[in-house]
Structures are given as C-alpha cells and as structure tokens.
Amino acid sequence: MAPRRRSNTGFIDVRLRPAGHFAAEITAGGTRVWLGTFYTKEAAARAYDVAAWRFGRPRHEMNFPEVRSLTEAQSLSTEPLLRSQGEARRYRSGQRRIDTTEADKKFMAQWRRDHPGDVEAMRAFWKDKQTYRRERRTGKRQRKAEVEAEYAKGEASTWGEDDEQWSWNLTTTASEDTPNEDEDFDF
C-alpha cells in the first residue's frame, strides 16, 4: 500500500484550522479519530506519529520516520490545545478508541497463543473457502468463454426449443405483440 499523501502542511493528516491552529487526526478501521488542536504543525504531526505507533503503523507512514519507538515519539509530543469542553470530550473519545484498539490487539495475540488449534482450524476454514470460491469463479469463467465462443460462431442460443423458458418466452412475447381488439393504435 502506498504511503498517504502529505497535506499542504507537509505532514500526514495535519491540517490548518481557520483560527490558525493545526488539527491532527488519524483514520483507523474506517473511522477518523481526532487527536487534537495544536499551536504548531510539527506538534500536530508528532501527535499523529504517537497514534500511528500505537496503531502499529509502519514507519514509512509516519511524519517523522527517524523516531524509533513509541516511547521516543511520546517524549517528543506535546499535549493538545483543548479550548472547550467539546474539544476535550472529542480528545478523550479518541484516546479511548486508541486504547481499545491496543487492548484488542493484545487480547487477540494472547488468544492466538492460548488456542493454537482454533487458529489452525480457522486458517483451514478460510483456505477451503478461498479454494471453493476460486474453483467456482474458474467454472463461471469457463462457461462464459464457451458461450461467447458459440456466439462468435453464430451457432449459439442460450435456450433450446425443448427448453421451458424458450417456449414460455415465445408465447409471452407473441401475446404481447398481438394487439387486442379493444386497443386503439395511432400510427
């Protein structure tokens, strides 16, 4: 996956607000998490990097890839400027979401260690399902190619004369094309 494009501030997910401050946010699992408002764009970018470390993002997706750990990123970051209770609530909500994500990752890692048989069964299930889907898709493609080849020869029809669909379609089409005596046509 290509790294995200940097905004006009020069940093990933940092934008200038109308009041002259800088807002930082990160997207996780399709949800945007607001990280706060900061006096400088560098402080906002550092906050993004702390969240990116906590979400386990690769270093090439960070604003400061030279930072080597979450602890170092946290030591370089500052607290956001919380000017209202609404901003404080949004900040706390975002932090809870990040904490929940971290806890989920730890729980799933522990579950995988404790239940290796279940992990193998799950992998086998998804492998079988993938194989089934691949075979089904291949069959559909083969049937489509055969029909297209018959059409190209000019010999093909999807319905035969002994097919019920063919006779039903023929009778309904014929009855639709035959005008009733009650209908008045203006040609």
N, C-alpha and C. Protein backbone atom coordinates (compact mmCIF):
# COMPACT_ATOMS: atom_id res chain seq x y z
N MET A 1 0.84 -1.17 0.00
CA MET A 1 0.00 0.00 0.00
C MET A 1 0.89 1.24 0.00
N ALA A 2 0.61 2.18 -0.86
CA ALA A 2 1.40 3.39 -0.96
C ALA A 2 1.17 4.27 0.26
N PRO A 3 2.20 4.99 0.70
CA PRO A 3 2.01 5.88 1.85
C PRO A 3 1.03 6.99 1.51
N ARG A 4 0.36 7.47 2.54
CA ARG A 4 -0.62 8.54 2.34
C ARG A 4 0.06 9.79 1.83
N ARG A 5 -0.68 10.55 1.03
CA ARG A 5 -0.16 11.81 0.51
C ARG A 5 -0.12 12.84 1.63
N ARG A 6 0.92 13.61 1.65
CA ARG A 6 1.03 14.65 2.67
C ARG A 6 0.17 15.84 2.30
N SER A 7 -0.43 16.47 3.31
CA SER A 7 -1.33 17.60 3.06
C SER A 7 -0.51 18.84 2.74
N ASN A 8 -1.20 19.97 2.58
CA ASN A 8 -0.50 21.21 2.26
C ASN A 8 0.35 21.71 3.42
N THR A 9 0.20 21.12 4.60
CA THR A 9 1.06 21.48 5.73
C THR A 9 2.40 20.77 5.65
N GLY A 10 2.47 19.75 4.79
CA GLY A 10 3.70 18.97 4.67
C GLY A 10 3.71 17.74 5.54
N PHE A 11 2.63 17.51 6.29
CA PHE A 11 2.55 16.36 7.19
C PHE A 11 1.28 15.56 6.92
N ILE A 12 1.35 14.28 7.22
CA ILE A 12 0.21 13.39 7.03
C ILE A 12 -0.86 13.68 8.07
N ASP A 13 -2.10 13.84 7.61
CA ASP A 13 -3.29 14.05 8.47
C ASP A 13 -3.16 15.22 9.44
N VAL A 14 -2.48 16.26 9.01
CA VAL A 14 -2.40 17.51 9.77
C VAL A 14 -2.94 18.60 8.85
N ARG A 15 -3.89 19.38 9.38
CA ARG A 15 -4.45 20.45 8.55
C ARG A 15 -4.55 21.75 9.34
N LEU A 16 -4.52 22.82 8.62
CA LEU A 16 -4.61 24.15 9.21
C LEU A 16 -6.08 24.49 9.46
N ARG A 17 -6.38 24.93 10.69
CA ARG A 17 -7.74 25.34 11.02
C ARG A 17 -7.89 26.83 10.79
N PRO A 18 -9.12 27.31 10.63
CA PRO A 18 -9.33 28.74 10.33
C PRO A 18 -8.74 29.69 11.38
N ALA A 19 -8.68 29.26 12.63
CA ALA A 19 -8.16 30.13 13.68
C ALA A 19 -6.64 30.21 13.67
N GLY A 20 -5.99 29.45 12.79
CA GLY A 20 -4.53 29.50 12.71
C GLY A 20 -3.85 28.37 13.46
N HIS A 21 -4.61 27.52 14.12
CA HIS A 21 -4.05 26.36 14.81
C HIS A 21 -4.03 25.18 13.86
N PHE A 22 -3.41 24.09 14.30
CA PHE A 22 -3.31 22.90 13.45
C PHE A 22 -4.01 21.72 14.11
N ALA A 23 -4.82 21.01 13.34
CA ALA A 23 -5.57 19.86 13.84
C ALA A 23 -4.90 18.60 13.33
N ALA A 24 -4.87 17.58 14.19
CA ALA A 24 -4.32 16.28 13.80
C ALA A 24 -5.41 15.23 13.98
N GLU A 25 -5.45 14.28 13.04
CA GLU A 25 -6.40 13.17 13.12
C GLU A 25 -5.78 11.98 12.43
N ILE A 26 -6.29 10.80 12.76
CA ILE A 26 -5.80 9.58 12.15
C ILE A 26 -7.01 8.71 11.84
N THR A 27 -6.92 7.93 10.77
CA THR A 27 -8.00 7.04 10.39
C THR A 27 -7.64 5.63 10.80
N ALA A 28 -8.54 4.98 11.53
CA ALA A 28 -8.31 3.62 11.99
C ALA A 28 -9.57 2.82 11.80
N GLY A 29 -9.48 1.75 11.03
CA GLY A 29 -10.63 0.89 10.81
C GLY A 29 -11.79 1.62 10.15
N GLY A 30 -11.49 2.57 9.28
CA GLY A 30 -12.54 3.30 8.58
C GLY A 30 -13.14 4.43 9.40
N THR A 31 -12.64 4.65 10.61
CA THR A 31 -13.16 5.71 11.47
C THR A 31 -12.07 6.74 11.70
N ARG A 32 -12.44 8.00 11.59
CA ARG A 32 -11.49 9.07 11.82
C ARG A 32 -11.42 9.39 13.31
N VAL A 33 -10.21 9.39 13.87
CA VAL A 33 -10.01 9.69 15.29
C VAL A 33 -9.33 11.06 15.39
N TRP A 34 -9.98 11.98 16.07
CA TRP A 34 -9.45 13.32 16.23
C TRP A 34 -8.41 13.31 17.34
N LEU A 35 -7.22 13.82 17.08
CA LEU A 35 -6.13 13.77 18.05
C LEU A 35 -5.93 15.08 18.79
N GLY A 36 -6.49 16.16 18.28
CA GLY A 36 -6.39 17.43 19.00
C GLY A 36 -6.00 18.58 18.09
N THR A 37 -5.98 19.78 18.70
CA THR A 37 -5.58 21.00 18.04
C THR A 37 -4.27 21.46 18.68
N PHE A 38 -3.33 21.92 17.86
CA PHE A 38 -2.00 22.27 18.35
C PHE A 38 -1.59 23.63 17.82
N TYR A 39 -0.65 24.28 18.52
CA TYR A 39 -0.17 25.58 18.09
C TYR A 39 0.67 25.49 16.82
N THR A 40 1.43 24.41 16.68
CA THR A 40 2.32 24.28 15.52
C THR A 40 1.99 23.01 14.74
N LYS A 41 2.34 23.05 13.46
CA LYS A 41 2.09 21.86 12.63
C LYS A 41 3.01 20.71 13.03
N GLU A 42 4.20 21.01 13.53
CA GLU A 42 5.11 19.95 13.97
C GLU A 42 4.55 19.21 15.19
N ALA A 43 3.94 19.96 16.13
CA ALA A 43 3.34 19.33 17.31
C ALA A 43 2.17 18.43 16.89
N ALA A 44 1.38 18.88 15.94
CA ALA A 44 0.27 18.07 15.44
C ALA A 44 0.80 16.81 14.75
N ALA A 45 1.87 16.96 13.98
CA ALA A 45 2.46 15.81 13.30
C ALA A 45 3.04 14.82 14.30
N ARG A 46 3.62 15.31 15.39
CA ARG A 46 4.15 14.41 16.43
C ARG A 46 3.01 13.64 17.10
N ALA A 47 1.86 14.31 17.32
CA ALA A 47 0.70 13.62 17.91
C ALA A 47 0.21 12.53 16.97
N TYR A 48 0.20 12.82 15.67
CA TYR A 48 -0.18 11.80 14.69
C TYR A 48 0.77 10.60 14.79
N ASP A 49 2.06 10.86 14.90
CA ASP A 49 3.03 9.78 14.97
C ASP A 49 2.84 8.91 16.22
N VAL A 50 2.51 9.53 17.35
CA VAL A 50 2.25 8.74 18.57
C VAL A 50 1.07 7.80 18.32
N ALA A 51 -0.01 8.32 17.73
CA ALA A 51 -1.18 7.49 17.44
C ALA A 51 -0.81 6.41 16.41
N ALA A 52 0.00 6.76 15.42
CA ALA A 52 0.41 5.78 14.40
C ALA A 52 1.23 4.66 15.03
N TRP A 53 2.11 5.01 15.97
CA TRP A 53 2.87 3.98 16.69
C TRP A 53 1.92 3.08 17.47
N ARG A 54 0.93 3.70 18.14
CA ARG A 54 0.00 2.91 18.95
C ARG A 54 -0.86 2.00 18.09
N PHE A 55 -1.18 2.42 16.86
CA PHE A 55 -1.95 1.58 15.95
C PHE A 55 -1.08 0.56 15.22
N GLY A 56 0.23 0.65 15.41
CA GLY A 56 1.12 -0.32 14.79
C GLY A 56 1.38 -0.04 13.32
N ARG A 57 1.34 1.20 12.92
CA ARG A 57 1.60 1.55 11.52
C ARG A 57 3.10 1.44 11.22
N PRO A 58 3.44 1.15 9.97
CA PRO A 58 4.87 1.10 9.61
C PRO A 58 5.49 2.50 9.64
N ARG A 59 6.79 2.55 9.84
CA ARG A 59 7.46 3.84 9.99
C ARG A 59 7.40 4.70 8.73
N HIS A 60 7.31 4.09 7.56
CA HIS A 60 7.25 4.90 6.34
C HIS A 60 5.93 5.66 6.22
N GLU A 61 4.93 5.32 7.05
CA GLU A 61 3.65 6.04 7.05
C GLU A 61 3.60 7.11 8.14
N MET A 62 4.72 7.43 8.72
CA MET A 62 4.75 8.42 9.80
C MET A 62 5.37 9.71 9.29
N ASN A 63 5.10 10.78 10.02
CA ASN A 63 5.64 12.08 9.65
C ASN A 63 7.12 12.19 9.97
N PHE A 64 7.55 11.53 11.04
CA PHE A 64 8.95 11.55 11.45
C PHE A 64 9.45 10.10 11.54
N PRO A 65 9.83 9.51 10.41
CA PRO A 65 10.23 8.10 10.43
C PRO A 65 11.53 7.84 11.17
N GLU A 66 12.28 8.89 11.49
CA GLU A 66 13.53 8.70 12.23
C GLU A 66 13.29 8.36 13.70
N VAL A 67 12.08 8.60 14.20
CA VAL A 67 11.74 8.23 15.58
C VAL A 67 11.65 6.71 15.64
N ARG A 68 12.31 6.09 16.61
CA ARG A 68 12.49 4.65 16.60
C ARG A 68 11.57 3.86 17.52
N SER A 69 10.78 4.55 18.37
CA SER A 69 9.90 3.80 19.28
C SER A 69 8.72 4.66 19.72
N LEU A 70 7.71 4.01 20.28
CA LEU A 70 6.56 4.73 20.81
C LEU A 70 6.99 5.63 21.96
N THR A 71 7.87 5.15 22.82
CA THR A 71 8.33 5.93 23.97
C THR A 71 9.01 7.22 23.50
N GLU A 72 9.86 7.10 22.48
CA GLU A 72 10.53 8.29 21.95
C GLU A 72 9.52 9.25 21.33
N ALA A 73 8.56 8.72 20.60
CA ALA A 73 7.53 9.56 19.98
C ALA A 73 6.71 10.28 21.05
N GLN A 74 6.37 9.58 22.14
CA GLN A 74 5.60 10.21 23.22
C GLN A 74 6.41 11.29 23.92
N SER A 75 7.71 11.08 24.07
CA SER A 75 8.54 12.09 24.75
C SER A 75 8.67 13.36 23.91
N LEU A 76 8.58 13.23 22.59
CA LEU A 76 8.70 14.39 21.70
C LEU A 76 7.37 15.10 21.47
N SER A 77 6.27 14.47 21.84
CA SER A 77 4.94 15.01 21.59
C SER A 77 4.50 15.91 22.74
N THR A 78 3.60 16.85 22.42
CA THR A 78 3.04 17.74 23.44
C THR A 78 1.54 17.47 23.55
N GLU A 79 0.94 17.94 24.64
CA GLU A 79 -0.50 17.80 24.83
C GLU A 79 -1.22 18.76 23.89
N PRO A 80 -2.41 18.38 23.43
CA PRO A 80 -3.15 19.27 22.52
C PRO A 80 -3.73 20.47 23.26
N LEU A 81 -4.02 21.47 22.48
CA LEU A 81 -4.66 22.68 22.98
C LEU A 81 -6.16 22.39 23.03
N LEU A 82 -6.72 22.30 24.23
CA LEU A 82 -8.15 21.99 24.38
C LEU A 82 -8.85 23.27 24.84
N ARG A 83 -9.48 23.96 23.89
CA ARG A 83 -10.06 25.27 24.18
C ARG A 83 -11.49 25.20 24.71
N SER A 84 -12.14 24.06 24.58
CA SER A 84 -13.52 23.97 25.05
C SER A 84 -13.78 22.57 25.59
N GLN A 85 -14.91 22.42 26.27
CA GLN A 85 -15.26 21.11 26.80
C GLN A 85 -15.55 20.14 25.67
N GLY A 86 -16.10 20.63 24.56
CA GLY A 86 -16.37 19.78 23.40
C GLY A 86 -15.08 19.20 22.83
N GLU A 87 -14.05 20.03 22.71
CA GLU A 87 -12.77 19.53 22.22
C GLU A 87 -12.16 18.54 23.19
N ALA A 88 -12.30 18.80 24.48
CA ALA A 88 -11.77 17.87 25.49
C ALA A 88 -12.49 16.52 25.39
N ARG A 89 -13.81 16.56 25.19
CA ARG A 89 -14.58 15.31 25.03
C ARG A 89 -14.13 14.54 23.80
N ARG A 90 -13.97 15.25 22.68
CA ARG A 90 -13.51 14.60 21.45
C ARG A 90 -12.13 13.98 21.64
N TYR A 91 -11.25 14.69 22.34
CA TYR A 91 -9.90 14.18 22.57
C TYR A 91 -9.95 12.91 23.43
N ARG A 92 -10.73 12.95 24.52
CA ARG A 92 -10.85 11.77 25.39
C ARG A 92 -11.46 10.59 24.63
N SER A 93 -12.46 10.87 23.79
CA SER A 93 -13.09 9.82 22.99
C SER A 93 -12.08 9.18 22.04
N GLY A 94 -11.27 9.99 21.40
CA GLY A 94 -10.24 9.47 20.51
C GLY A 94 -9.22 8.63 21.25
N GLN A 95 -8.83 9.10 22.44
CA GLN A 95 -7.85 8.34 23.23
C GLN A 95 -8.43 7.00 23.69
N ARG A 96 -9.72 7.00 24.05
CA ARG A 96 -10.37 5.73 24.43
C ARG A 96 -10.40 4.76 23.26
N ARG A 97 -10.67 5.29 22.06
CA ARG A 97 -10.71 4.44 20.87
C ARG A 97 -9.33 3.83 20.60
N ILE A 98 -8.29 4.63 20.76
CA ILE A 98 -6.93 4.12 20.56
C ILE A 98 -6.61 3.08 21.62
N ASP A 99 -6.98 3.34 22.87
CA ASP A 99 -6.74 2.37 23.95
C ASP A 99 -7.48 1.06 23.70
N THR A 100 -8.71 1.15 23.21
CA THR A 100 -9.49 -0.05 22.90
C THR A 100 -8.83 -0.86 21.80
N THR A 101 -8.34 -0.17 20.79
CA THR A 101 -7.66 -0.86 19.69
C THR A 101 -6.43 -1.59 20.20
N GLU A 102 -5.66 -0.93 21.05
CA GLU A 102 -4.47 -1.57 21.62
C GLU A 102 -4.85 -2.80 22.44
N ALA A 103 -5.89 -2.66 23.27
CA ALA A 103 -6.33 -3.79 24.10
C ALA A 103 -6.81 -4.95 23.22
N ASP A 104 -7.53 -4.64 22.14
CA ASP A 104 -8.00 -5.69 21.23
C ASP A 104 -6.83 -6.45 20.61
N LYS A 105 -5.81 -5.72 20.19
CA LYS A 105 -4.64 -6.37 19.59
C LYS A 105 -3.95 -7.28 20.60
N LYS A 106 -3.80 -6.80 21.82
CA LYS A 106 -3.16 -7.62 22.87
C LYS A 106 -3.99 -8.86 23.18
N PHE A 107 -5.32 -8.69 23.27
CA PHE A 107 -6.20 -9.81 23.56
C PHE A 107 -6.13 -10.86 22.45
N MET A 108 -6.18 -10.41 21.18
CA MET A 108 -6.12 -11.36 20.07
C MET A 108 -4.78 -12.08 20.02
N ALA A 109 -3.69 -11.38 20.33
CA ALA A 109 -2.38 -12.04 20.36
C ALA A 109 -2.35 -13.11 21.45
N GLN A 110 -2.91 -12.79 22.61
CA GLN A 110 -2.96 -13.76 23.71
C GLN A 110 -3.85 -14.94 23.34
N TRP A 111 -4.99 -14.66 22.71
CA TRP A 111 -5.91 -15.73 22.30
C TRP A 111 -5.23 -16.67 21.32
N ARG A 112 -4.48 -16.10 20.36
CA ARG A 112 -3.77 -16.94 19.39
C ARG A 112 -2.74 -17.83 20.07
N ARG A 113 -2.06 -17.29 21.10
CA ARG A 113 -1.08 -18.11 21.83
C ARG A 113 -1.77 -19.21 22.64
N ASP A 114 -2.93 -18.90 23.21
CA ASP A 114 -3.63 -19.87 24.08
C ASP A 114 -4.41 -20.92 23.30
N HIS A 115 -4.82 -20.64 22.08
CA HIS A 115 -5.66 -21.54 21.31
C HIS A 115 -5.10 -21.81 19.91
N PRO A 116 -3.94 -22.44 19.83
CA PRO A 116 -3.35 -22.67 18.50
C PRO A 116 -4.21 -23.59 17.63
N GLY A 117 -4.93 -24.54 18.23
CA GLY A 117 -5.79 -25.44 17.47
C GLY A 117 -6.91 -24.68 16.77
N ASP A 118 -7.51 -23.72 17.49
CA ASP A 118 -8.57 -22.90 16.90
C ASP A 118 -8.03 -22.02 15.77
N VAL A 119 -6.81 -21.53 15.97
CA VAL A 119 -6.21 -20.70 14.93
C VAL A 119 -6.00 -21.52 13.67
N GLU A 120 -5.50 -22.75 13.83
CA GLU A 120 -5.30 -23.63 12.67
C GLU A 120 -6.62 -23.98 12.00
N ALA A 121 -7.64 -24.26 12.81
CA ALA A 121 -8.95 -24.58 12.25
C ALA A 121 -9.51 -23.39 11.46
N MET A 122 -9.32 -22.19 11.98
CA MET A 122 -9.80 -21.01 11.30
C MET A 122 -9.04 -20.81 9.98
N ARG A 123 -7.74 -20.99 10.01
CA ARG A 123 -6.95 -20.86 8.78
C ARG A 123 -7.37 -21.91 7.76
N ALA A 124 -7.61 -23.14 8.20
CA ALA A 124 -8.03 -24.21 7.28
C ALA A 124 -9.40 -23.87 6.68
N PHE A 125 -10.31 -23.37 7.51
CA PHE A 125 -11.63 -22.98 7.02
C PHE A 125 -11.52 -21.94 5.91
N TRP A 126 -10.75 -20.87 6.17
CA TRP A 126 -10.64 -19.80 5.18
C TRP A 126 -9.89 -20.26 3.94
N LYS A 127 -8.95 -21.18 4.10
CA LYS A 127 -8.24 -21.71 2.93
C LYS A 127 -9.21 -22.53 2.07
N ASP A 128 -10.03 -23.36 2.72
CA ASP A 128 -11.02 -24.15 1.98
C ASP A 128 -12.03 -23.23 1.28
N LYS A 129 -12.46 -22.21 1.97
CA LYS A 129 -13.43 -21.28 1.39
C LYS A 129 -12.82 -20.55 0.19
N GLN A 130 -11.57 -20.16 0.32
CA GLN A 130 -10.89 -19.49 -0.79
C GLN A 130 -10.75 -20.44 -1.99
N THR A 131 -10.42 -21.70 -1.73
CA THR A 131 -10.30 -22.70 -2.81
C THR A 131 -11.65 -22.90 -3.48
N TYR A 132 -12.71 -23.02 -2.70
CA TYR A 132 -14.05 -23.19 -3.24
C TYR A 132 -14.43 -22.01 -4.14
N ARG A 133 -14.19 -20.80 -3.64
CA ARG A 133 -14.52 -19.61 -4.42
C ARG A 133 -13.71 -19.54 -5.71
N ARG A 134 -12.44 -19.90 -5.64
CA ARG A 134 -11.58 -19.87 -6.82
C ARG A 134 -12.08 -20.87 -7.86
N GLU A 135 -12.43 -22.08 -7.41
CA GLU A 135 -12.93 -23.10 -8.33
C GLU A 135 -14.26 -22.65 -8.96
N ARG A 136 -15.12 -22.08 -8.16
CA ARG A 136 -16.41 -21.62 -8.65
C ARG A 136 -16.22 -20.51 -9.68
N ARG A 137 -15.34 -19.57 -9.38
CA ARG A 137 -15.05 -18.47 -10.29
C ARG A 137 -14.47 -18.99 -11.60
N THR A 138 -13.57 -19.97 -11.50
CA THR A 138 -12.97 -20.56 -12.70
C THR A 138 -14.04 -21.25 -13.55
N GLY A 139 -14.95 -21.98 -12.90
CA GLY A 139 -16.04 -22.63 -13.63
C GLY A 139 -16.92 -21.63 -14.35
N LYS A 140 -17.24 -20.53 -13.69
CA LYS A 140 -18.07 -19.50 -14.32
C LYS A 140 -17.36 -18.90 -15.52
N ARG A 141 -16.08 -18.66 -15.38
CA ARG A 141 -15.32 -18.09 -16.49
C ARG A 141 -15.26 -19.05 -17.67
N GLN A 142 -15.11 -20.34 -17.38
CA GLN A 142 -15.07 -21.34 -18.46
C GLN A 142 -16.41 -21.39 -19.19
N ARG A 143 -17.51 -21.42 -18.43
CA ARG A 143 -18.83 -21.46 -19.06
C ARG A 143 -19.06 -20.20 -19.90
N LYS A 144 -18.65 -19.06 -19.39
CA LYS A 144 -18.82 -17.81 -20.12
C LYS A 144 -18.01 -17.84 -21.42
N ALA A 145 -16.79 -18.33 -21.34
CA ALA A 145 -15.94 -18.41 -22.53
C ALA A 145 -16.55 -19.35 -23.57
N GLU A 146 -17.12 -20.48 -23.12
CA GLU A 146 -17.76 -21.41 -24.06
C GLU A 146 -18.95 -20.76 -24.76
N VAL A 147 -19.78 -20.06 -24.01
CA VAL A 147 -20.95 -19.40 -24.59
C VAL A 147 -20.51 -18.31 -25.56
N GLU A 148 -19.52 -17.53 -25.18
CA GLU A 148 -19.03 -16.47 -26.07
C GLU A 148 -18.45 -17.06 -27.35
N ALA A 149 -17.78 -18.20 -27.24
CA ALA A 149 -17.23 -18.85 -28.44
C ALA A 149 -18.35 -19.33 -29.35
N GLU A 150 -19.43 -19.89 -28.79
CA GLU A 150 -20.57 -20.32 -29.59
C GLU A 150 -21.24 -19.13 -30.27
N TYR A 151 -21.39 -18.03 -29.55
CA TYR A 151 -21.98 -16.83 -30.15
C TYR A 151 -21.12 -16.30 -31.28
N ALA A 152 -19.81 -16.37 -31.09
CA ALA A 152 -18.91 -15.89 -32.14
C ALA A 152 -19.06 -16.71 -33.42
N LYS A 153 -19.35 -18.00 -33.28
CA LYS A 153 -19.55 -18.86 -34.46
C LYS A 153 -20.91 -18.60 -35.11
N GLY A 154 -21.83 -18.02 -34.36
CA GLY A 154 -23.17 -17.76 -34.87
C GLY A 154 -24.10 -18.93 -34.70
N GLU A 155 -23.69 -19.95 -33.96
CA GLU A 155 -24.50 -21.15 -33.78
C GLU A 155 -25.23 -21.16 -32.45
N ALA A 156 -24.94 -20.21 -31.61
CA ALA A 156 -25.35 -20.33 -30.22
C ALA A 156 -26.71 -19.71 -29.94
N SER A 157 -27.38 -20.33 -29.02
CA SER A 157 -28.57 -19.77 -28.40
C SER A 157 -28.54 -20.28 -26.97
N THR A 158 -28.89 -19.43 -26.05
CA THR A 158 -28.86 -19.87 -24.66
C THR A 158 -30.02 -20.80 -24.34
N TRP A 159 -31.08 -20.78 -25.17
CA TRP A 159 -32.23 -21.64 -24.95
C TRP A 159 -32.41 -22.56 -26.15
N GLY A 160 -32.76 -23.78 -25.87
CA GLY A 160 -33.10 -24.72 -26.94
C GLY A 160 -34.61 -24.74 -27.12
N GLU A 161 -35.09 -25.35 -28.23
CA GLU A 161 -36.52 -25.40 -28.49
C GLU A 161 -37.26 -26.26 -27.49
N ASP A 162 -36.56 -27.20 -26.86
CA ASP A 162 -37.20 -28.05 -25.86
C ASP A 162 -37.14 -27.45 -24.46
N ASP A 163 -36.54 -26.31 -24.33
CA ASP A 163 -36.39 -25.65 -23.04
C ASP A 163 -37.71 -24.95 -22.67
N GLU A 164 -38.16 -25.11 -21.42
CA GLU A 164 -39.40 -24.49 -20.97
C GLU A 164 -39.33 -22.97 -21.04
N GLN A 165 -38.17 -22.40 -20.73
CA GLN A 165 -38.02 -20.95 -20.80
C GLN A 165 -38.23 -20.45 -22.22
N TRP A 166 -37.72 -21.21 -23.19
CA TRP A 166 -37.85 -20.80 -24.58
C TRP A 166 -39.31 -20.73 -25.00
N SER A 167 -40.07 -21.79 -24.68
CA SER A 167 -41.48 -21.81 -25.08
C SER A 167 -42.29 -20.77 -24.31
N TRP A 168 -42.00 -20.59 -23.04
CA TRP A 168 -42.71 -19.58 -22.25
C TRP A 168 -42.43 -18.19 -22.81
N ASN A 169 -41.18 -17.90 -23.09
CA ASN A 169 -40.80 -16.59 -23.60
C ASN A 169 -41.42 -16.35 -24.98
N LEU A 170 -41.45 -17.40 -25.80
CA LEU A 170 -42.04 -17.27 -27.12
C LEU A 170 -43.53 -16.94 -27.02
N THR A 171 -44.27 -17.62 -26.14
CA THR A 171 -45.71 -17.37 -26.02
C THR A 171 -45.98 -16.01 -25.40
N THR A 172 -45.23 -15.61 -24.39
CA THR A 172 -45.48 -14.30 -23.77
C THR A 172 -45.10 -13.18 -24.72
N THR A 173 -44.03 -13.34 -25.46
CA THR A 173 -43.63 -12.31 -26.43
C THR A 173 -44.66 -12.22 -27.54
N ALA A 174 -45.14 -13.37 -28.00
CA ALA A 174 -46.13 -13.36 -29.07
C ALA A 174 -47.42 -12.71 -28.59
N SER A 175 -47.85 -12.99 -27.36
CA SER A 175 -49.09 -12.41 -26.86
C SER A 175 -48.94 -10.91 -26.62
N GLU A 176 -47.73 -10.46 -26.27
CA GLU A 176 -47.52 -9.03 -26.08
C GLU A 176 -47.53 -8.30 -27.41
N ASP A 177 -47.09 -8.97 -28.48
CA ASP A 177 -47.01 -8.33 -29.79
C ASP A 177 -48.35 -8.33 -30.52
N THR A 178 -49.27 -9.16 -30.10
CA THR A 178 -50.57 -9.26 -30.77
C THR A 178 -51.51 -8.25 -30.15
N PRO A 179 -52.04 -7.31 -30.93
CA PRO A 179 -52.93 -6.30 -30.34
C PRO A 179 -54.30 -6.89 -30.03
N ASN A 180 -54.86 -6.42 -28.95
CA ASN A 180 -56.23 -6.80 -28.60
C ASN A 180 -57.20 -5.97 -29.44
N GLU A 181 -58.42 -6.47 -29.55
CA GLU A 181 -59.42 -5.74 -30.33
C GLU A 181 -59.80 -4.44 -29.66
N ASP A 182 -59.65 -4.40 -28.31
CA ASP A 182 -60.04 -3.20 -27.57
C ASP A 182 -59.04 -2.06 -27.72
N GLU A 183 -57.79 -2.38 -28.07
CA GLU A 183 -56.76 -1.37 -28.15
C GLU A 183 -56.90 -0.56 -29.42
N ASP A 184 -56.67 0.73 -29.30
CA ASP A 184 -56.73 1.62 -30.43
C ASP A 184 -55.31 2.12 -30.70
N PHE A 185 -54.78 1.84 -31.87
CA PHE A 185 -53.43 2.23 -32.19
C PHE A 185 -53.42 3.47 -33.07
N ASP A 186 -52.56 4.41 -32.78
CA ASP A 186 -52.35 5.59 -33.62
C ASP A 186 -50.96 5.44 -34.23
N PHE A 187 -50.93 5.22 -35.54
CA PHE A 187 -49.62 5.06 -36.20
C PHE A 187 -49.22 6.34 -36.86
